[in-house]
C-alpha atoms as a PDB file:
ATOM      1  CA  MET A   1     -17.113   1.462 -16.867  1.00  0.00           C
ATOM      2  CA  LYS A   2     -18.058   3.157 -13.615  1.00  0.00           C
ATOM      3  CA  ILE A   3     -15.474   2.693 -10.863  1.00  0.00           C
ATOM      4  CA  LEU A   4     -16.124   3.326  -7.183  1.00  0.00           C
ATOM      5  CA  LEU A   5     -12.951   3.970  -5.186  1.00  0.00           C
ATOM      6  CA  ILE A   6     -13.307   3.441  -1.431  1.00  0.00           C
ATOM      7  CA  THR A   7     -10.538   5.312   0.375  1.00  0.00           C
ATOM      8  CA  GLU A   8      -9.214   4.796   3.890  1.00  0.00           C
ATOM      9  CA  GLN A   9      -8.545   7.292   6.644  1.00  0.00           C
ATOM     10  CA  ARG A  10      -7.867   7.045  10.344  1.00  0.00           C
ATOM     11  CA  GLU A  11      -8.573   9.933  12.705  1.00  0.00           C
ATOM     12  CA  GLY A  12      -8.827  12.347   9.810  1.00  0.00           C
ATOM     13  CA  LYS A  13      -5.548  11.328   8.180  1.00  0.00           C
ATOM     14  CA  TRP A  14      -5.159   9.482   4.900  1.00  0.00           C
ATOM     15  CA  ASN A  15      -3.696   6.047   4.582  1.00  0.00           C
ATOM     16  CA  LYS A  16      -1.368   6.801   1.655  1.00  0.00           C
ATOM     17  CA  VAL A  17      -2.211   3.452   0.029  1.00  0.00           C
ATOM     18  CA  SER A  18      -5.574   5.056  -0.807  1.00  0.00           C
ATOM     19  CA  PHE A  19      -3.794   7.137  -3.437  1.00  0.00           C
ATOM     20  CA  GLU A  20      -2.073   4.070  -4.864  1.00  0.00           C
ATOM     21  CA  ALA A  21      -5.549   2.563  -5.283  1.00  0.00           C
ATOM     22  CA  LEU A  22      -6.686   5.846  -6.839  1.00  0.00           C
ATOM     23  CA  ALA A  23      -3.829   5.562  -9.354  1.00  0.00           C
ATOM     24  CA  ALA A  24      -5.072   2.060 -10.247  1.00  0.00           C
ATOM     25  CA  ALA A  25      -8.662   3.269 -10.604  1.00  0.00           C
ATOM     26  CA  GLN A  26      -7.621   6.193 -12.799  1.00  0.00           C
ATOM     27  CA  GLN A  27      -5.575   3.942 -15.094  1.00  0.00           C
ATOM     28  CA  ILE A  28      -8.366   1.379 -15.450  1.00  0.00           C
ATOM     29  CA  ALA A  29     -10.898   4.143 -16.144  1.00  0.00           C
ATOM     30  CA  ALA A  30      -8.644   5.792 -18.744  1.00  0.00           C
ATOM     31  CA  GLN A  31      -8.241   2.541 -20.670  1.00  0.00           C
ATOM     32  CA  ALA A  32     -11.905   1.587 -20.373  1.00  0.00           C
ATOM     33  CA  LYS A  33     -13.110   5.140 -21.069  1.00  0.00           C
ATOM     34  CA  GLY A  34     -14.905   5.069 -17.741  1.00  0.00           C
ATOM     35  CA  SER A  35     -15.387   7.259 -14.687  1.00  0.00           C
ATOM     36  CA  VAL A  36     -14.061   7.274 -11.116  1.00  0.00           C
ATOM     37  CA  THR A  37     -16.152   8.146  -8.076  1.00  0.00           C
ATOM     38  CA  GLY A  38     -14.305   8.505  -4.786  1.00  0.00           C
ATOM     39  CA  VAL A  39     -15.782   7.546  -1.412  1.00  0.00           C
ATOM     40  CA  VAL A  40     -14.705   9.033   1.924  1.00  0.00           C
ATOM     41  CA  ILE A  41     -16.261   7.372   4.967  1.00  0.00           C
ATOM     42  CA  GLY A  42     -16.153   8.335   8.638  1.00  0.00           C
ATOM     43  CA  GLN A  43     -17.252  11.301  10.737  1.00  0.00           C
ATOM     44  CA  GLY A  44     -15.899  14.834  10.445  1.00  0.00           C
ATOM     45  CA  VAL A  45     -14.098  14.030   7.200  1.00  0.00           C
ATOM     46  CA  VAL A  46     -15.454  16.814   4.969  1.00  0.00           C
ATOM     47  CA  ALA A  47     -11.949  18.261   4.551  1.00  0.00           C
ATOM     48  CA  LEU A  48     -10.666  14.933   3.246  1.00  0.00           C
ATOM     49  CA  ALA A  49     -13.553  14.704   0.785  1.00  0.00           C
ATOM     50  CA  GLU A  50     -12.760  18.204  -0.473  1.00  0.00           C
ATOM     51  CA  GLU A  51      -9.109  17.252  -0.845  1.00  0.00           C
ATOM     52  CA  LEU A  52      -9.975  14.122  -2.816  1.00  0.00           C
ATOM     53  CA  ALA A  53     -12.194  16.253  -5.074  1.00  0.00           C
ATOM     54  CA  GLY A  54      -9.037  18.036  -6.213  1.00  0.00           C
ATOM     55  CA  TYR A  55      -7.809  14.877  -7.914  1.00  0.00           C
ATOM     56  CA  GLN A  56      -8.977  13.467 -11.237  1.00  0.00           C
ATOM     57  CA  VAL A  57     -12.285  11.981 -10.115  1.00  0.00           C
ATOM     58  CA  ASP A  58     -15.761  12.629 -11.468  1.00  0.00           C
ATOM     59  CA  GLU A  59     -17.344  13.047  -8.050  1.00  0.00           C
ATOM     60  CA  VAL A  60     -16.790  12.310  -4.383  1.00  0.00           C
ATOM     61  CA  ILE A  61     -19.349  10.625  -2.151  1.00  0.00           C
ATOM     62  CA  LEU A  62     -19.143  11.719   1.477  1.00  0.00           C
ATOM     63  CA  VAL A  63     -20.410   9.105   3.939  1.00  0.00           C
ATOM     64  CA  GLU A  64     -20.694  10.586   7.434  1.00  0.00           C
ATOM     65  CA  ASN A  65     -22.423   9.201  10.495  1.00  0.00           C
ATOM     66  CA  PRO A  66     -21.573   9.403  14.221  1.00  0.00           C
ATOM     67  CA  LEU A  67     -21.525   5.590  14.295  1.00  0.00           C
ATOM     68  CA  LEU A  68     -18.761   5.626  11.684  1.00  0.00           C
ATOM     69  CA  GLU A  69     -16.399   7.824  13.684  1.00  0.00           C
ATOM     70  CA  LYS A  70     -14.730   4.692  15.039  1.00  0.00           C
ATOM     71  CA  TYR A  71     -14.066   1.918  12.573  1.00  0.00           C
ATOM     72  CA  THR A  72     -16.106  -1.278  12.927  1.00  0.00           C
ATOM     73  CA  PRO A  73     -16.510  -3.969  10.265  1.00  0.00           C
ATOM     74  CA  ASP A  74     -20.291  -4.015  10.795  1.00  0.00           C
ATOM     75  CA  GLY A  75     -20.671  -0.248  10.488  1.00  0.00           C
ATOM     76  CA  TYR A  76     -18.489   0.060   7.404  1.00  0.00           C
ATOM     77  CA  ALA A  77     -19.996  -2.958   5.628  1.00  0.00           C
ATOM     78  CA  ILE A  78     -23.585  -1.869   6.269  1.00  0.00           C
ATOM     79  CA  ALA A  79     -22.979   1.744   5.229  1.00  0.00           C
ATOM     80  CA  LEU A  80     -20.884   0.914   2.159  1.00  0.00           C
ATOM     81  CA  LYS A  81     -23.384  -1.693   0.972  1.00  0.00           C
ATOM     82  CA  GLN A  82     -25.941   1.098   0.724  1.00  0.00           C
ATOM     83  CA  VAL A  83     -23.451   3.357  -1.064  1.00  0.00           C
ATOM     84  CA  VAL A  84     -22.621   0.652  -3.617  1.00  0.00           C
ATOM     85  CA  GLU A  85     -26.309  -0.070  -4.229  1.00  0.00           C
ATOM     86  CA  GLN A  86     -27.023   3.638  -4.711  1.00  0.00           C
ATOM     87  CA  ALA A  87     -24.000   4.340  -6.962  1.00  0.00           C
ATOM     88  CA  LYS A  88     -24.391   1.159  -9.057  1.00  0.00           C
ATOM     89  CA  PRO A  89     -20.715   0.871 -10.101  1.00  0.00           C
ATOM     90  CA  ASP A  90     -19.273  -1.798 -12.351  1.00  0.00           C
ATOM     91  CA  LEU A  91     -16.131  -2.089 -10.234  1.00  0.00           C
ATOM     92  CA  VAL A  92     -15.319  -1.277  -6.601  1.00  0.00           C
ATOM     93  CA  VAL A  93     -11.612  -0.614  -5.936  1.00  0.00           C
ATOM     94  CA  LEU A  94     -10.005  -0.567  -2.481  1.00  0.00           C
ATOM     95  CA  PRO A  95      -6.460  -0.398  -1.080  1.00  0.00           C
ATOM     96  CA  HIS A  96      -5.443  -3.769   0.375  1.00  0.00           C
ATOM     97  CA  THR A  97      -4.893  -2.651   3.973  1.00  0.00           C
ATOM     98  CA  TYR A  98      -5.461  -4.468   7.257  1.00  0.00           C
ATOM     99  CA  GLN A  99      -8.752  -2.606   7.643  1.00  0.00           C
ATOM    100  CA  VAL A 100      -9.933  -3.513   4.150  1.00  0.00           C
ATOM    101  CA  ARG A 101      -9.046  -7.160   4.755  1.00  0.00           C
ATOM    102  CA  ASP A 102     -11.335  -6.975   7.767  1.00  0.00           C
ATOM    103  CA  PHE A 103     -14.504  -5.524   6.245  1.00  0.00           C
ATOM    104  CA  ALA A 104     -14.288  -5.974   2.447  1.00  0.00           C
ATOM    105  CA  PRO A 105     -15.087  -9.726   2.385  1.00  0.00           C
ATOM    106  CA  LYS A 106     -18.126  -8.998   4.578  1.00  0.00           C
ATOM    107  CA  LEU A 107     -19.165  -6.219   2.193  1.00  0.00           C
ATOM    108  CA  ALA A 108     -18.767  -8.519  -0.830  1.00  0.00           C
ATOM    109  CA  ALA A 109     -20.797 -11.279   0.842  1.00  0.00           C
ATOM    110  CA  SER A 110     -23.572  -8.849   1.772  1.00  0.00           C
ATOM    111  CA  LEU A 111     -23.819  -7.897  -1.913  1.00  0.00           C
ATOM    112  CA  ASN A 112     -23.673 -11.562  -2.932  1.00  0.00           C
ATOM    113  CA  LYS A 113     -20.586 -10.791  -5.031  1.00  0.00           C
ATOM    114  CA  GLY A 114     -17.080 -12.181  -5.194  1.00  0.00           C
ATOM    115  CA  MET A 115     -13.899 -10.316  -4.349  1.00  0.00           C
ATOM    116  CA  ILE A 116     -10.371 -10.501  -5.747  1.00  0.00           C
ATOM    117  CA  GLY A 117      -7.997  -9.364  -3.027  1.00  0.00           C
ATOM    118  CA  ASP A 118      -4.349  -8.292  -2.940  1.00  0.00           C
ATOM    119  CA  CYS A 119      -4.007  -7.677  -6.687  1.00  0.00           C
ATOM    120  CA  VAL A 120      -0.649  -6.509  -8.035  1.00  0.00           C
ATOM    121  CA  GLY A 121      -1.863  -5.519 -11.487  1.00  0.00           C
ATOM    122  CA  TYR A 122      -4.487  -5.826 -14.178  1.00  0.00           C
ATOM    123  CA  ARG A 123      -4.863  -5.852 -17.940  1.00  0.00           C
ATOM    124  CA  HIS A 124      -7.573  -5.598 -20.558  1.00  0.00           C
ATOM    125  CA  GLU A 125      -7.804  -8.644 -22.803  1.00  0.00           C
ATOM    126  CA  ASN A 126     -10.436  -9.155 -25.493  1.00  0.00           C
ATOM    127  CA  GLY A 127     -12.668  -6.597 -23.869  1.00  0.00           C
ATOM    128  CA  LYS A 128     -12.352  -8.285 -20.464  1.00  0.00           C
ATOM    129  CA  LEU A 129     -10.728  -6.955 -17.311  1.00  0.00           C
ATOM    130  CA  ILE A 130      -8.235  -9.447 -15.863  1.00  0.00           C
ATOM    131  CA  PHE A 131      -6.630  -9.008 -12.453  1.00  0.00           C
ATOM    132  CA  VAL A 132      -3.207 -10.339 -11.468  1.00  0.00           C
ATOM    133  CA  ARG A 133      -2.528 -11.557  -7.947  1.00  0.00           C
ATOM    134  CA  GLN A 134       0.415 -13.380  -6.438  1.00  0.00           C
ATOM    135  CA  MET A 135       0.228 -16.881  -5.015  1.00  0.00           C
ATOM    136  CA  PHE A 136       2.474 -19.039  -2.840  1.00  0.00           C
ATOM    137  CA  GLN A 137       4.259 -16.034  -1.298  1.00  0.00           C
ATOM    138  CA  GLY A 138       4.960 -14.456  -4.647  1.00  0.00           C
ATOM    139  CA  ARG A 139       6.437 -17.509  -6.331  1.00  0.00           C
ATOM    140  CA  THR A 140       3.854 -17.332  -9.099  1.00  0.00           C
ATOM    141  CA  ALA A 141       1.117 -15.028 -10.351  1.00  0.00           C
ATOM    142  CA  ALA A 142      -2.440 -15.930 -11.275  1.00  0.00           C
ATOM    143  CA  ASP A 143      -4.797 -14.264 -13.737  1.00  0.00           C
ATOM    144  CA  VAL A 144      -8.246 -13.896 -12.192  1.00  0.00           C
ATOM    145  CA  SER A 145     -11.411 -12.492 -13.727  1.00  0.00           C
ATOM    146  CA  PHE A 146     -14.992 -11.997 -12.638  1.00  0.00           C
ATOM    147  CA  GLN A 147     -17.969 -13.824 -14.058  1.00  0.00           C
ATOM    148  CA  GLY A 148     -21.386 -12.260 -14.430  1.00  0.00           C
ATOM    149  CA  ASP A 149     -22.503  -8.713 -13.823  1.00  0.00           C
ATOM    150  CA  GLY A 150     -20.949  -6.277 -11.388  1.00  0.00           C
ATOM    151  CA  PRO A 151     -20.378  -4.719  -9.088  1.00  0.00           C
ATOM    152  CA  TRP A 152     -17.005  -6.441  -8.981  1.00  0.00           C
ATOM    153  CA  ILE A 153     -14.794  -5.840  -5.948  1.00  0.00           C
ATOM    154  CA  ALA A 154     -10.983  -5.772  -6.042  1.00  0.00           C
ATOM    155  CA  SER A 155      -8.254  -4.543  -3.713  1.00  0.00           C
ATOM    156  CA  PHE A 156      -4.720  -3.617  -4.772  1.00  0.00           C
ATOM    157  CA  GLN A 157      -1.566  -4.480  -2.859  1.00  0.00           C
ATOM    158  CA  ALA A 158       0.516  -1.671  -1.380  1.00  0.00           C
ATOM    159  CA  GLY A 159       3.280  -0.751  -3.802  1.00  0.00           C
ATOM    160  CA  ALA A 160       1.505  -2.160  -6.863  1.00  0.00           C
ATOM    161  CA  PHE A 161       0.860   1.383  -8.125  1.00  0.00           C
ATOM    162  CA  ARG A 162       2.668   4.645  -7.462  1.00  0.00           C
ATOM    163  CA  ALA A 163       0.787   7.327  -5.571  1.00  0.00           C
ATOM    164  CA  ASP A 164       2.828  10.056  -7.268  1.00  0.00           C
ATOM    165  CA  THR A 165       1.274   9.155 -10.629  1.00  0.00           C
ATOM    166  CA  VAL A 166      -2.203  10.191  -9.490  1.00  0.00           C
ATOM    167  CA  ALA A 167      -3.639  12.848 -11.791  1.00  0.00           C
ATOM    168  CA  LYS A 168      -4.872  16.116 -10.331  1.00  0.00           C
ATOM    169  CA  LYS A 169      -8.135  17.720 -11.415  1.00  0.00           C
ATOM    170  CA  GLN A 170      -7.843  20.309 -14.157  1.00  0.00           C
ATOM    171  CA  GLY A 171     -10.074  23.270 -13.453  1.00  0.00           C
ATOM    172  CA  ALA A 172     -12.829  23.171 -10.862  1.00  0.00           C
ATOM    173  CA  LYS A 173     -12.892  20.467  -8.216  1.00  0.00           C
ATOM    174  CA  ALA A 174     -15.214  17.503  -8.549  1.00  0.00           C
ATOM    175  CA  PRO A 175     -18.560  17.825  -6.736  1.00  0.00           C
ATOM    176  CA  VAL A 176     -18.811  16.392  -3.225  1.00  0.00           C
ATOM    177  CA  LYS A 177     -22.147  14.674  -2.636  1.00  0.00           C
ATOM    178  CA  PRO A 178     -23.280  13.569   0.858  1.00  0.00           C
ATOM    179  CA  ALA A 179     -24.718  10.063   0.960  1.00  0.00           C
ATOM    180  CA  SER A 180     -27.667   9.125   3.109  1.00  0.00           C
ATOM    181  CA  VAL A 181     -27.143   5.810   4.898  1.00  0.00           C
ATOM    182  CA  ALA A 182     -29.313   4.113   7.507  1.00  0.00           C
ATOM    183  CA  LEU A 183     -27.275   2.790  10.411  1.00  0.00           C
ATOM    184  CA  LYS A 184     -28.398   1.821  13.921  1.00  0.00           C
ATOM    185  CA  ALA A 185     -26.251   1.275  16.989  1.00  0.00           C
ATOM    186  CA  GLU A 186     -27.700  -2.190  17.573  1.00  0.00           C
ATOM    187  CA  GLN A 187     -26.420  -3.290  14.153  1.00  0.00           C
ATOM    188  CA  ILE A 188     -22.842  -2.842  15.321  1.00  0.00           C
ATOM    189  CA  ARG A 189     -21.900  -5.937  17.292  1.00  0.00           C
ATOM    190  CA  THR A 190     -18.410  -4.883  18.329  1.00  0.00           C
ATOM    191  CA  LYS A 191     -17.356  -2.059  20.593  1.00  0.00           C
ATOM    192  CA  PRO A 192     -14.242  -0.249  19.343  1.00  0.00           C
ATOM    193  CA  LEU A 193     -11.628   0.474  21.990  1.00  0.00           C
ATOM    194  CA  GLU A 194      -8.730   2.892  21.784  1.00  0.00           C
ATOM    195  CA  LEU A 195      -6.894   2.814  18.473  1.00  0.00           C
ATOM    196  CA  PHE A 196      -3.923   0.470  18.732  1.00  0.00           C
ATOM    197  CA  ARG A 197      -0.614   2.309  18.762  1.00  0.00           C
ATOM    198  CA  GLU A 198       2.752   0.659  18.576  1.00  0.00           C
ATOM    199  CA  ALA A 199       5.506   1.417  21.040  1.00  0.00           C
ATOM    200  CA  LYS A 200       7.267   4.755  20.666  1.00  0.00           C
ATOM    201  CA  GLN A 201      10.363   3.148  19.223  1.00  0.00           C
ATOM    202  CA  ALA A 202       8.322   1.506  16.455  1.00  0.00           C
ATOM    203  CA  VAL A 203       8.356   3.020  12.991  1.00  0.00           C
ATOM    204  CA  ASP A 204       5.992   2.894  10.046  1.00  0.00           C
ATOM    205  CA  LEU A 205       8.387   1.939   7.278  1.00  0.00           C
ATOM    206  CA  THR A 206       5.660   2.327   4.659  1.00  0.00           C
ATOM    207  CA  GLN A 207       5.965   6.107   5.026  1.00  0.00           C
ATOM    208  CA  ALA A 208       9.767   6.276   4.616  1.00  0.00           C
ATOM    209  CA  PRO A 209      10.994   7.682   1.269  1.00  0.00           C
ATOM    210  CA  ILE A 210      14.401   6.005   1.660  1.00  0.00           C
ATOM    211  CA  LEU A 211      15.206   2.652   3.279  1.00  0.00           C
ATOM    212  CA  VAL A 212      18.582   1.076   4.014  1.00  0.00           C
ATOM    213  CA  SER A 213      17.933  -2.621   4.529  1.00  0.00           C
ATOM    214  CA  ILE A 214      20.353  -5.241   5.851  1.00  0.00           C
ATOM    215  CA  GLY A 215      20.491  -9.005   5.432  1.00  0.00           C
ATOM    216  CA  ARG A 216      22.669 -11.929   6.435  1.00  0.00           C
ATOM    217  CA  GLY A 217      25.642 -10.299   4.731  1.00  0.00           C
ATOM    218  CA  ILE A 218      25.991  -7.915   7.678  1.00  0.00           C
ATOM    219  CA  LYS A 219      27.360 -11.027   9.523  1.00  0.00           C
ATOM    220  CA  ALA A 220      27.063  -9.800  13.131  1.00  0.00           C
ATOM    221  CA  PRO A 221      25.071  -7.277  15.178  1.00  0.00           C
ATOM    222  CA  GLU A 222      28.309  -5.397  15.859  1.00  0.00           C
ATOM    223  CA  ASN A 223      28.374  -4.410  12.179  1.00  0.00           C
ATOM    224  CA  ILE A 224      24.893  -2.853  12.103  1.00  0.00           C
ATOM    225  CA  PRO A 225      26.207   0.659  12.996  1.00  0.00           C
ATOM    226  CA  LEU A 226      27.867   0.619   9.567  1.00  0.00           C
ATOM    227  CA  ALA A 227      24.424   0.568   7.934  1.00  0.00           C
ATOM    228  CA  GLU A 228      22.955   2.895  10.560  1.00  0.00           C
ATOM    229  CA  LYS A 229      25.537   5.549   9.684  1.00  0.00           C
ATOM    230  CA  LEU A 230      24.659   5.313   5.980  1.00  0.00           C
ATOM    231  CA  ALA A 231      20.949   5.530   6.802  1.00  0.00           C
ATOM    232  CA  LYS A 232      21.497   8.598   8.977  1.00  0.00           C
ATOM    233  CA  THR A 233      23.575  10.256   6.274  1.00  0.00           C
ATOM    234  CA  LEU A 234      20.865   9.645   3.678  1.00  0.00           C
ATOM    235  CA  GLY A 235      18.030  10.628   6.019  1.00  0.00           C
ATOM    236  CA  ALA A 236      16.721   7.061   5.682  1.00  0.00           C
ATOM    237  CA  GLU A 237      15.124   4.479   7.947  1.00  0.00           C
ATOM    238  CA  LEU A 238      16.889   1.216   8.746  1.00  0.00           C
ATOM    239  CA  SER A 239      15.103  -2.028   7.869  1.00  0.00           C
ATOM    240  CA  ALA A 240      16.010  -5.689   7.510  1.00  0.00           C
ATOM    241  CA  SER A 241      15.210  -9.096   6.108  1.00  0.00           C
ATOM    242  CA  ARG A 242      13.591 -11.690   8.359  1.00  0.00           C
ATOM    243  CA  PRO A 243      16.765 -13.522   9.539  1.00  0.00           C
ATOM    244  CA  ILE A 244      18.082 -10.301  11.077  1.00  0.00           C
ATOM    245  CA  CYS A 245      14.893  -9.750  13.064  1.00  0.00           C
ATOM    246  CA  ASP A 246      14.586 -13.435  13.981  1.00  0.00           C
ATOM    247  CA  GLU A 247      18.047 -13.211  15.533  1.00  0.00           C
ATOM    248  CA  GLY A 248      16.940 -10.206  17.552  1.00  0.00           C
ATOM    249  CA  TRP A 249      19.515  -7.910  15.958  1.00  0.00           C
ATOM    250  CA  LEU A 250      16.773  -5.461  15.016  1.00  0.00           C
ATOM    251  CA  PRO A 251      13.180  -5.243  16.340  1.00  0.00           C
ATOM    252  CA  MET A 252      10.471  -7.077  14.396  1.00  0.00           C
ATOM    253  CA  GLU A 253       8.766  -3.832  13.311  1.00  0.00           C
ATOM    254  CA  ARG A 254      11.738  -3.199  11.012  1.00  0.00           C
ATOM    255  CA  GLN A 255      11.243  -6.413   9.050  1.00  0.00           C
ATOM    256  CA  ILE A 256      10.415  -6.203   5.353  1.00  0.00           C
ATOM    257  CA  GLY A 257       8.741  -9.090   3.555  1.00  0.00           C
ATOM    258  CA  SER A 258       5.767 -11.407   3.423  1.00  0.00           C
ATOM    259  CA  SER A 259       5.699 -11.720   7.218  1.00  0.00           C
ATOM    260  CA  GLY A 260       6.750  -8.096   7.793  1.00  0.00           C
ATOM    261  CA  GLN A 261       5.920  -4.757   6.217  1.00  0.00           C
ATOM    262  CA  THR A 262       5.292  -4.108   2.530  1.00  0.00           C
ATOM    263  CA  VAL A 263       7.030  -0.935   1.384  1.00  0.00           C
ATOM    264  CA  SER A 264       7.427   1.137  -1.756  1.00  0.00           C
ATOM    265  CA  PRO A 265      10.008   3.869  -1.034  1.00  0.00           C
ATOM    266  CA  LYS A 266      11.642   6.107  -3.607  1.00  0.00           C
ATOM    267  CA  LEU A 267      14.993   4.437  -2.874  1.00  0.00           C
ATOM    268  CA  TYR A 268      15.676   0.997  -1.379  1.00  0.00           C
ATOM    269  CA  LEU A 269      19.275   0.014  -0.586  1.00  0.00           C
ATOM    270  CA  ALA A 270      19.673  -3.723  -0.019  1.00  0.00           C
ATOM    271  CA  LEU A 271      22.919  -4.470   1.830  1.00  0.00           C
ATOM    272  CA  GLY A 272      23.916  -8.118   1.957  1.00  0.00           C
ATOM    273  CA  ILE A 273      20.405  -9.324   1.123  1.00  0.00           C
ATOM    274  CA  SER A 274      20.258 -12.401  -1.103  1.00  0.00           C
ATOM    275  CA  GLY A 275      16.755 -11.711  -2.395  1.00  0.00           C
ATOM    276  CA  ALA A 276      14.624 -14.596  -1.141  1.00  0.00           C
ATOM    277  CA  ILE A 277      11.085 -14.372  -2.492  1.00  0.00           C
ATOM    278  CA  GLN A 278       9.667 -13.815   1.020  1.00  0.00           C
ATOM    279  CA  HIS A 279      11.683 -10.589   1.223  1.00  0.00           C
ATOM    280  CA  VAL A 280      11.196  -9.499  -2.370  1.00  0.00           C
ATOM    281  CA  VAL A 281       7.378  -9.503  -2.152  1.00  0.00           C
ATOM    282  CA  GLY A 282       7.657  -6.836   0.532  1.00  0.00           C
ATOM    283  CA  MET A 283       9.865  -4.375  -1.354  1.00  0.00           C
ATOM    284  CA  LYS A 284       9.601  -5.029  -5.099  1.00  0.00           C
ATOM    285  CA  GLY A 285       7.342  -1.984  -5.468  1.00  0.00           C
ATOM    286  CA  SER A 286      10.244   0.340  -4.610  1.00  0.00           C
ATOM    287  CA  ARG A 287      10.851   2.961  -7.266  1.00  0.00           C
ATOM    288  CA  CYS A 288      14.624   2.438  -7.319  1.00  0.00           C
ATOM    289  CA  ILE A 289      16.403  -0.606  -5.873  1.00  0.00           C
ATOM    290  CA  VAL A 290      20.150  -0.597  -5.279  1.00  0.00           C
ATOM    291  CA  ALA A 291      21.698  -3.913  -4.234  1.00  0.00           C
ATOM    292  CA  ILE A 292      25.157  -4.535  -2.789  1.00  0.00           C
ATOM    293  CA  ASN A 293      26.156  -8.195  -2.510  1.00  0.00           C
ATOM    294  CA  LYS A 294      29.382 -10.122  -2.975  1.00  0.00           C
ATOM    295  CA  ASP A 295      27.514 -12.974  -4.681  1.00  0.00           C
ATOM    296  CA  GLN A 296      27.035 -12.014  -8.318  1.00  0.00           C
ATOM    297  CA  ASN A 297      24.345 -14.704  -8.667  1.00  0.00           C
ATOM    298  CA  ALA A 298      22.221 -13.417  -5.784  1.00  0.00           C
ATOM    299  CA  PRO A 299      18.525 -13.266  -6.807  1.00  0.00           C
ATOM    300  CA  ILE A 300      18.310  -9.659  -5.578  1.00  0.00           C
ATOM    301  CA  PHE A 301      20.144  -8.550  -8.732  1.00  0.00           C
ATOM    302  CA  GLU A 302      17.233  -9.792 -10.853  1.00  0.00           C
ATOM    303  CA  ILE A 303      14.993  -6.988  -9.563  1.00  0.00           C
ATOM    304  CA  ALA A 304      17.641  -4.356  -8.743  1.00  0.00           C
ATOM    305  CA  ASP A 305      17.851  -1.207 -10.852  1.00  0.00           C
ATOM    306  CA  TYR A 306      21.519  -0.871  -9.865  1.00  0.00           C
ATOM    307  CA  GLY A 307      23.724  -3.661  -8.603  1.00  0.00           C
ATOM    308  CA  VAL A 308      27.171  -3.620  -7.029  1.00  0.00           C
ATOM    309  CA  VAL A 309      29.043  -6.910  -6.720  1.00  0.00           C
ATOM    310  CA  GLY A 310      31.470  -6.470  -3.871  1.00  0.00           C
ATOM    311  CA  ASP A 311      32.156  -6.466  -0.145  1.00  0.00           C
ATOM    312  CA  LEU A 312      29.648  -4.272   1.654  1.00  0.00           C
ATOM    313  CA  PHE A 313      32.207  -3.639   4.406  1.00  0.00           C
ATOM    314  CA  GLU A 314      34.313  -1.798   1.838  1.00  0.00           C
ATOM    315  CA  ILE A 315      31.554  -0.256  -0.254  1.00  0.00           C
ATOM    316  CA  VAL A 316      29.206   1.059   2.446  1.00  0.00           C
ATOM    317  CA  PRO A 317      31.831   3.212   4.280  1.00  0.00           C
ATOM    318  CA  ALA A 318      32.985   4.633   0.940  1.00  0.00           C
ATOM    319  CA  LEU A 319      29.394   5.347  -0.079  1.00  0.00           C
ATOM    320  CA  THR A 320      28.670   7.011   3.258  1.00  0.00           C
ATOM    321  CA  GLU A 321      31.752   9.197   2.861  1.00  0.00           C
ATOM    322  CA  GLU A 322      30.748  10.275  -0.641  1.00  0.00           C
ATOM    323  CA  VAL A 323      27.215  11.116   0.474  1.00  0.00           C
ATOM    324  CA  GLU A 324      28.601  13.229   3.314  1.00  0.00           C
ATOM    325  CA  LYS A 325      30.896  15.069   0.877  1.00  0.00           C
ATOM    326  CA  SER A 326      27.973  15.868  -1.404  1.00  0.00           C
ATOM    327  CA  LYS A 327      26.021  17.614   1.335  1.00  0.00           C
ATOM    328  CA  PRO A 328      26.226  21.402   1.413  1.00  0.00           C
ATOM    329  CA  ALA A 329      28.492  22.791   4.089  1.00  0.00           C
END
């Protein structure tokens, strides 16, 4: 099986979900005894292509064009259609980002192929590749497979695979091959403006290695400094479930869940969070989940690696104190 991995970058910087998708591609290729070809698209992205060549891929295709310097769905779909037709892969893998959601369906339609988006896993069954994707806000999972010949197109949800499991290249780097694509300015029907940037106080929680998240159990906004102190002590970011943000106790950009951000930190501390499915779908990819809740039947304990049944107003100050003691003087 030949797999084509389409990565994502903005202004010369990786979207880290690209490496989660790379982990998925590597695992599928290893089980199917196939190959992985990486694709880097944009303008002035040679350095990124060289970096990707240092990972366990068979080759890297570099797609550069002045018209691709700024992202547009037309430009990306037209250029990548040519890349897919030239590479002739069996499977095209992408990270399920906002940008991919924008252009990937257009790319699939231009190739007259279907797409399975937002996958959380896969498996091989009777020689067939089956993808798993969530439905009804994570309440159930569906097995989905492609019919007919490839190229098949699938995107993987953030947090479904761990970027730190990506294999590095042993020995010499993979070859980087420039791709020739035909692209005209008149084919691009939208004019990109300045890249949207959130307010200075906003934070990208997807990049945080540690998150301290609060739920209804915090009871009142006056109690939030309790969690803030723990977060500061741990060097973590503060996040929350939807009810906290709906009440205006924390800004909306700190919301985790189906209507907020999807995260996969190394450590996720859930303080007073019951574990409603809308919240869980946004953080279940965390490497280690620690839950503190006075309700021993709270659903959060079903996915927690460590659970503490007790009053967070007693446990959190004690935990903060112990963390402070453990720090070198």
